[in-house]
Amino acid sequence: MTRLEAIPRGPRVAGVDEVGRGCLFGPVFAAAVVLDEAAEQYLWQAGLTDSKKLSAKRRAGLVPLIEQHCLARGLGQASAFEIDAVGIRGATELAMLRALQKLLHPPDLVLVDGNLPLRLWRGSQQTLVGGDSRSAAIAAASVLAKEARDALIRRLSIRFQGYGLERHAGYGTALHRQALLTLGPTSLHRSSFLRRLLG
């Protein structure tokens, strides 16, 4: 059995994935990608896989290939304020829905990475555990979301200096936690994530 067998794919199937769910700072991002079979095969052969398994250089190199060969793509995000207001799952779903709404045509089926359904999506969907290493559309979405979010955080690191955002992209590293204790949170930190850290 190949990794593509038994997984729905094609020009009416969108893969969706998120990035930044566990960060202390900034928005959560999501991307939706539609591929045909030729694009899937090309991207697998080009080294596409789960964005977490790729180096920054490799991810960056895949972005133009995905953009060139995909049938459609969309990006969405939900802000730190929205994360605090509705919780991280709700905000992640908002980001995914916004990404799907950017597609030119609504897909007939959405493949969602993980085991939690996208509650805001009214159409057909299928959850796929480990989807970012099994579905090319989900893997491509993970790469686009990761690269877009990282680029935004690098820009924001110029505005919010002293937190090391350009190094950890907002995740809760020791450097980031120490900066929070020294400088306090910014307006883009997720206060709901910081309560246990800062009291």
C-alpha atoms as a PDB file:
ATOM      1  CA  MET A   1       0.000   0.000   0.000  1.00  0.00           C
ATOM      2  CA  THR A   2       1.305   3.481  -0.848  1.00  0.00           C
ATOM      3  CA  ARG A   3       0.748   6.459   1.390  1.00  0.00           C
ATOM      4  CA  LEU A   4      -1.726   7.914  -1.120  1.00  0.00           C
ATOM      5  CA  GLU A   5      -4.050   4.912  -1.242  1.00  0.00           C
ATOM      6  CA  ALA A   6      -7.397   5.144   0.558  1.00  0.00           C
ATOM      7  CA  ILE A   7      -6.945   8.905   1.067  1.00  0.00           C
ATOM      8  CA  PRO A   8      -9.355  11.088  -0.906  1.00  0.00           C
ATOM      9  CA  ARG A   9      -7.580  13.417  -3.301  1.00  0.00           C
ATOM     10  CA  GLY A  10      -8.169  15.406  -6.428  1.00  0.00           C
ATOM     11  CA  PRO A  11      -9.320  18.792  -7.699  1.00  0.00           C
ATOM     12  CA  ARG A  12     -12.358  18.941  -5.424  1.00  0.00           C
ATOM     13  CA  VAL A  13     -10.538  17.976  -2.205  1.00  0.00           C
ATOM     14  CA  ALA A  14      -8.876  20.590   0.011  1.00  0.00           C
ATOM     15  CA  GLY A  15      -6.315  19.810   2.681  1.00  0.00           C
ATOM     16  CA  VAL A  16      -6.221  22.147   5.664  1.00  0.00           C
ATOM     17  CA  ASP A  17      -3.684  22.474   8.476  1.00  0.00           C
ATOM     18  CA  GLU A  18      -2.724  24.972  11.171  1.00  0.00           C
ATOM     19  CA  VAL A  19       0.448  26.250  12.781  1.00  0.00           C
ATOM     20  CA  GLY A  20       1.160  28.206  15.945  1.00  0.00           C
ATOM     21  CA  ARG A  21      -1.398  26.491  18.135  1.00  0.00           C
ATOM     22  CA  GLY A  22       1.002  26.159  21.077  1.00  0.00           C
ATOM     23  CA  CYS A  23       2.643  29.585  20.868  1.00  0.00           C
ATOM     24  CA  LEU A  24       2.494  32.220  23.591  1.00  0.00           C
ATOM     25  CA  PHE A  25       2.574  35.104  21.104  1.00  0.00           C
ATOM     26  CA  GLY A  26       0.721  36.092  17.976  1.00  0.00           C
ATOM     27  CA  PRO A  27      -1.984  34.583  15.806  1.00  0.00           C
ATOM     28  CA  VAL A  28      -2.646  31.004  14.864  1.00  0.00           C
ATOM     29  CA  PHE A  29      -2.389  30.468  11.104  1.00  0.00           C
ATOM     30  CA  ALA A  30      -4.042  27.975   8.779  1.00  0.00           C
ATOM     31  CA  ALA A  31      -3.784  27.195   5.085  1.00  0.00           C
ATOM     32  CA  ALA A  32      -6.004  25.308   2.675  1.00  0.00           C
ATOM     33  CA  VAL A  33      -4.611  23.751  -0.506  1.00  0.00           C
ATOM     34  CA  VAL A  34      -6.197  21.959  -3.470  1.00  0.00           C
ATOM     35  CA  LEU A  35      -4.007  19.742  -5.669  1.00  0.00           C
ATOM     36  CA  ASP A  36      -4.596  17.490  -8.621  1.00  0.00           C
ATOM     37  CA  GLU A  37      -2.915  14.089  -8.816  1.00  0.00           C
ATOM     38  CA  ALA A  38      -0.039  15.292 -10.993  1.00  0.00           C
ATOM     39  CA  ALA A  39       0.753  18.091  -8.529  1.00  0.00           C
ATOM     40  CA  GLU A  40       0.630  15.652  -5.607  1.00  0.00           C
ATOM     41  CA  GLN A  41       3.119  13.317  -7.246  1.00  0.00           C
ATOM     42  CA  TYR A  42       5.394  16.191  -8.233  1.00  0.00           C
ATOM     43  CA  LEU A  43       5.420  17.680  -4.722  1.00  0.00           C
ATOM     44  CA  TRP A  44       6.028  14.325  -2.994  1.00  0.00           C
ATOM     45  CA  GLN A  45       8.992  13.786  -5.315  1.00  0.00           C
ATOM     46  CA  ALA A  46      10.223  17.320  -4.567  1.00  0.00           C
ATOM     47  CA  GLY A  47      10.449  16.400  -0.886  1.00  0.00           C
ATOM     48  CA  LEU A  48       7.124  17.635   0.466  1.00  0.00           C
ATOM     49  CA  THR A  49       6.249  16.300   3.907  1.00  0.00           C
ATOM     50  CA  ASP A  50       5.066  17.552   7.297  1.00  0.00           C
ATOM     51  CA  SER A  51       6.474  21.076   7.734  1.00  0.00           C
ATOM     52  CA  LYS A  52       7.814  20.162  11.186  1.00  0.00           C
ATOM     53  CA  LYS A  53      10.119  17.605   9.567  1.00  0.00           C
ATOM     54  CA  LEU A  54      11.593  20.095   7.096  1.00  0.00           C
ATOM     55  CA  SER A  55      14.425  22.548   7.586  1.00  0.00           C
ATOM     56  CA  ALA A  56      13.613  26.234   7.209  1.00  0.00           C
ATOM     57  CA  LYS A  57      15.546  26.312   3.942  1.00  0.00           C
ATOM     58  CA  ARG A  58      13.692  23.298   2.554  1.00  0.00           C
ATOM     59  CA  ARG A  59      10.290  24.716   3.541  1.00  0.00           C
ATOM     60  CA  ALA A  60      11.081  28.030   1.896  1.00  0.00           C
ATOM     61  CA  GLY A  61      12.123  26.230  -1.273  1.00  0.00           C
ATOM     62  CA  LEU A  62       8.847  24.320  -1.409  1.00  0.00           C
ATOM     63  CA  VAL A  63       6.605  27.392  -1.161  1.00  0.00           C
ATOM     64  CA  PRO A  64       7.020  28.547  -4.794  1.00  0.00           C
ATOM     65  CA  LEU A  65       6.601  24.955  -6.009  1.00  0.00           C
ATOM     66  CA  ILE A  66       3.343  24.604  -4.086  1.00  0.00           C
ATOM     67  CA  GLU A  67       2.103  27.976  -5.304  1.00  0.00           C
ATOM     68  CA  GLN A  68       2.987  27.115  -8.903  1.00  0.00           C
ATOM     69  CA  HIS A  69       1.440  23.636  -8.986  1.00  0.00           C
ATOM     70  CA  CYS A  70      -1.610  23.889  -6.719  1.00  0.00           C
ATOM     71  CA  LEU A  71      -5.068  24.434  -8.150  1.00  0.00           C
ATOM     72  CA  ALA A  72      -6.045  26.750  -5.297  1.00  0.00           C
ATOM     73  CA  ARG A  73      -4.753  27.948  -1.953  1.00  0.00           C
ATOM     74  CA  GLY A  74      -5.904  30.153   0.893  1.00  0.00           C
ATOM     75  CA  LEU A  75      -4.489  31.501   4.141  1.00  0.00           C
ATOM     76  CA  GLY A  76      -6.383  32.392   7.292  1.00  0.00           C
ATOM     77  CA  GLN A  77      -5.505  33.479  10.777  1.00  0.00           C
ATOM     78  CA  ALA A  78      -7.052  34.171  14.157  1.00  0.00           C
ATOM     79  CA  SER A  79      -5.572  36.796  16.433  1.00  0.00           C
ATOM     80  CA  ALA A  80      -4.280  36.522  19.985  1.00  0.00           C
ATOM     81  CA  PHE A  81      -7.389  38.452  21.057  1.00  0.00           C
ATOM     82  CA  GLU A  82      -9.620  35.861  19.390  1.00  0.00           C
ATOM     83  CA  ILE A  83      -7.622  33.041  20.985  1.00  0.00           C
ATOM     84  CA  ASP A  84      -8.214  34.588  24.406  1.00  0.00           C
ATOM     85  CA  ALA A  85     -11.895  35.152  23.611  1.00  0.00           C
ATOM     86  CA  VAL A  86     -12.905  31.750  22.229  1.00  0.00           C
ATOM     87  CA  GLY A  87     -10.040  29.422  23.201  1.00  0.00           C
ATOM     88  CA  ILE A  88      -7.350  27.925  21.044  1.00  0.00           C
ATOM     89  CA  ARG A  89      -9.516  25.254  19.425  1.00  0.00           C
ATOM     90  CA  GLY A  90     -12.202  27.754  18.467  1.00  0.00           C
ATOM     91  CA  ALA A  91      -9.618  30.205  17.141  1.00  0.00           C
ATOM     92  CA  THR A  92      -7.861  27.464  15.178  1.00  0.00           C
ATOM     93  CA  GLU A  93     -11.175  26.557  13.577  1.00  0.00           C
ATOM     94  CA  LEU A  94     -11.754  30.226  12.689  1.00  0.00           C
ATOM     95  CA  ALA A  95      -8.347  30.339  10.991  1.00  0.00           C
ATOM     96  CA  MET A  96      -9.104  27.135   9.063  1.00  0.00           C
ATOM     97  CA  LEU A  97     -12.532  28.387   7.994  1.00  0.00           C
ATOM     98  CA  ARG A  98     -11.026  31.676   6.801  1.00  0.00           C
ATOM     99  CA  ALA A  99      -8.413  29.790   4.788  1.00  0.00           C
ATOM    100  CA  LEU A 100     -11.110  27.661   3.144  1.00  0.00           C
ATOM    101  CA  GLN A 101     -13.186  30.748   2.382  1.00  0.00           C
ATOM    102  CA  LYS A 102     -10.243  32.180   0.411  1.00  0.00           C
ATOM    103  CA  LEU A 103     -10.475  29.329  -2.103  1.00  0.00           C
ATOM    104  CA  LEU A 104     -12.077  30.336  -5.394  1.00  0.00           C
ATOM    105  CA  HIS A 105     -14.580  27.463  -5.210  1.00  0.00           C
ATOM    106  CA  PRO A 106     -15.803  25.633  -2.084  1.00  0.00           C
ATOM    107  CA  PRO A 107     -14.318  22.115  -2.020  1.00  0.00           C
ATOM    108  CA  ASP A 108     -16.543  19.056  -2.056  1.00  0.00           C
ATOM    109  CA  LEU A 109     -14.452  17.512   0.730  1.00  0.00           C
ATOM    110  CA  VAL A 110     -12.079  18.937   3.319  1.00  0.00           C
ATOM    111  CA  LEU A 111      -9.275  16.849   4.794  1.00  0.00           C
ATOM    112  CA  VAL A 112      -8.456  18.064   8.300  1.00  0.00           C
ATOM    113  CA  ASP A 113      -5.162  17.109   9.901  1.00  0.00           C
ATOM    114  CA  GLY A 114      -5.617  15.392  13.266  1.00  0.00           C
ATOM    115  CA  ASN A 115      -8.655  13.804  14.881  1.00  0.00           C
ATOM    116  CA  LEU A 116     -10.824  16.835  15.673  1.00  0.00           C
ATOM    117  CA  PRO A 117     -13.426  17.826  13.082  1.00  0.00           C
ATOM    118  CA  LEU A 118     -13.766  21.396  11.889  1.00  0.00           C
ATOM    119  CA  ARG A 119     -17.038  22.268  13.598  1.00  0.00           C
ATOM    120  CA  LEU A 120     -17.567  25.485  11.613  1.00  0.00           C
ATOM    121  CA  TRP A 121     -17.438  23.728   8.225  1.00  0.00           C
ATOM    122  CA  ARG A 122     -20.889  22.810   6.910  1.00  0.00           C
ATOM    123  CA  GLY A 123     -19.692  20.669   4.027  1.00  0.00           C
ATOM    124  CA  SER A 124     -18.205  17.193   3.912  1.00  0.00           C
ATOM    125  CA  GLN A 125     -14.964  16.626   5.771  1.00  0.00           C
ATOM    126  CA  GLN A 126     -12.677  13.857   6.940  1.00  0.00           C
ATOM    127  CA  THR A 127     -10.158  13.972   9.767  1.00  0.00           C
ATOM    128  CA  LEU A 128      -6.817  12.342   9.091  1.00  0.00           C
ATOM    129  CA  VAL A 129      -4.416  11.547  11.919  1.00  0.00           C
ATOM    130  CA  GLY A 130      -0.878  12.156  10.711  1.00  0.00           C
ATOM    131  CA  GLY A 131      -2.372  13.793   7.661  1.00  0.00           C
ATOM    132  CA  ASP A 132       0.588  16.078   7.050  1.00  0.00           C
ATOM    133  CA  SER A 133       2.708  13.049   6.169  1.00  0.00           C
ATOM    134  CA  ARG A 134      -0.073  11.128   4.359  1.00  0.00           C
ATOM    135  CA  SER A 135      -1.902  13.735   2.289  1.00  0.00           C
ATOM    136  CA  ALA A 136       0.006  16.016  -0.067  1.00  0.00           C
ATOM    137  CA  ALA A 137      -2.700  18.671   0.199  1.00  0.00           C
ATOM    138  CA  ILE A 138      -2.440  18.751   3.997  1.00  0.00           C
ATOM    139  CA  ALA A 139       1.372  18.709   3.867  1.00  0.00           C
ATOM    140  CA  ALA A 140       1.342  21.617   1.421  1.00  0.00           C
ATOM    141  CA  ALA A 141      -1.059  23.500   3.682  1.00  0.00           C
ATOM    142  CA  SER A 142       1.236  22.939   6.662  1.00  0.00           C
ATOM    143  CA  VAL A 143       4.205  24.350   4.736  1.00  0.00           C
ATOM    144  CA  LEU A 144       2.339  27.436   3.526  1.00  0.00           C
ATOM    145  CA  ALA A 145       0.890  28.151   6.962  1.00  0.00           C
ATOM    146  CA  LYS A 146       4.247  27.720   8.682  1.00  0.00           C
ATOM    147  CA  GLU A 147       6.118  29.956   6.238  1.00  0.00           C
ATOM    148  CA  ALA A 148       3.453  32.660   6.325  1.00  0.00           C
ATOM    149  CA  ARG A 149       3.293  32.737  10.113  1.00  0.00           C
ATOM    150  CA  ASP A 150       7.068  32.709  10.541  1.00  0.00           C
ATOM    151  CA  ALA A 151       7.385  35.623   8.091  1.00  0.00           C
ATOM    152  CA  LEU A 152       4.823  37.629  10.065  1.00  0.00           C
ATOM    153  CA  ILE A 153       6.537  36.907  13.388  1.00  0.00           C
ATOM    154  CA  ARG A 154       9.899  37.997  11.947  1.00  0.00           C
ATOM    155  CA  ARG A 155       8.324  41.312  10.969  1.00  0.00           C
ATOM    156  CA  LEU A 156       6.731  41.691  14.386  1.00  0.00           C
ATOM    157  CA  SER A 157      10.057  40.962  16.100  1.00  0.00           C
ATOM    158  CA  ILE A 158      11.268  44.354  14.860  1.00  0.00           C
ATOM    159  CA  ARG A 159       8.359  46.044  16.615  1.00  0.00           C
ATOM    160  CA  PHE A 160       8.518  43.913  19.760  1.00  0.00           C
ATOM    161  CA  GLN A 161      12.222  43.676  20.491  1.00  0.00           C
ATOM    162  CA  GLY A 162      13.776  41.869  23.429  1.00  0.00           C
ATOM    163  CA  TYR A 163      11.613  38.736  23.293  1.00  0.00           C
ATOM    164  CA  GLY A 164      13.675  36.810  20.752  1.00  0.00           C
ATOM    165  CA  LEU A 165      10.660  36.303  18.510  1.00  0.00           C
ATOM    166  CA  GLU A 166      12.858  35.962  15.441  1.00  0.00           C
ATOM    167  CA  ARG A 167      14.466  32.932  17.096  1.00  0.00           C
ATOM    168  CA  HIS A 168      11.515  31.001  18.510  1.00  0.00           C
ATOM    169  CA  ALA A 169       8.508  32.337  16.513  1.00  0.00           C
ATOM    170  CA  GLY A 170       6.563  32.914  19.720  1.00  0.00           C
ATOM    171  CA  TYR A 171       6.837  29.453  21.272  1.00  0.00           C
ATOM    172  CA  GLY A 172       7.429  29.136  24.999  1.00  0.00           C
ATOM    173  CA  THR A 173      11.190  28.676  25.053  1.00  0.00           C
ATOM    174  CA  ALA A 174      13.291  29.469  28.103  1.00  0.00           C
ATOM    175  CA  LEU A 175      14.465  32.677  26.401  1.00  0.00           C
ATOM    176  CA  HIS A 176      10.900  33.761  25.714  1.00  0.00           C
ATOM    177  CA  ARG A 177       9.691  32.956  29.209  1.00  0.00           C
ATOM    178  CA  GLN A 178      12.543  34.890  30.812  1.00  0.00           C
ATOM    179  CA  ALA A 179      11.830  37.891  28.580  1.00  0.00           C
ATOM    180  CA  LEU A 180       8.185  37.788  29.632  1.00  0.00           C
ATOM    181  CA  LEU A 181       9.166  37.799  33.299  1.00  0.00           C
ATOM    182  CA  THR A 182      11.531  40.730  32.691  1.00  0.00           C
ATOM    183  CA  LEU A 183       9.571  42.833  30.203  1.00  0.00           C
ATOM    184  CA  GLY A 184       6.006  41.692  30.707  1.00  0.00           C
ATOM    185  CA  PRO A 185       3.653  40.690  27.886  1.00  0.00           C
ATOM    186  CA  THR A 186       2.961  42.692  24.740  1.00  0.00           C
ATOM    187  CA  SER A 187      -0.455  43.426  23.278  1.00  0.00           C
ATOM    188  CA  LEU A 188      -0.009  40.408  20.983  1.00  0.00           C
ATOM    189  CA  HIS A 189       0.726  37.862  23.686  1.00  0.00           C
ATOM    190  CA  ARG A 190      -2.027  35.375  24.486  1.00  0.00           C
ATOM    191  CA  SER A 191      -3.030  36.347  28.000  1.00  0.00           C
ATOM    192  CA  SER A 192      -4.979  33.109  28.475  1.00  0.00           C
ATOM    193  CA  PHE A 193      -1.718  31.194  27.886  1.00  0.00           C
ATOM    194  CA  LEU A 194       0.281  33.349  30.297  1.00  0.00           C
ATOM    195  CA  ARG A 195      -1.828  33.148  33.453  1.00  0.00           C
ATOM    196  CA  ARG A 196       0.046  30.201  34.918  1.00  0.00           C
ATOM    197  CA  LEU A 197       3.389  31.606  33.803  1.00  0.00           C
ATOM    198  CA  LEU A 198       3.035  35.150  35.110  1.00  0.00           C
ATOM    199  CA  GLY A 199       0.369  34.692  37.764  1.00  0.00           C
END
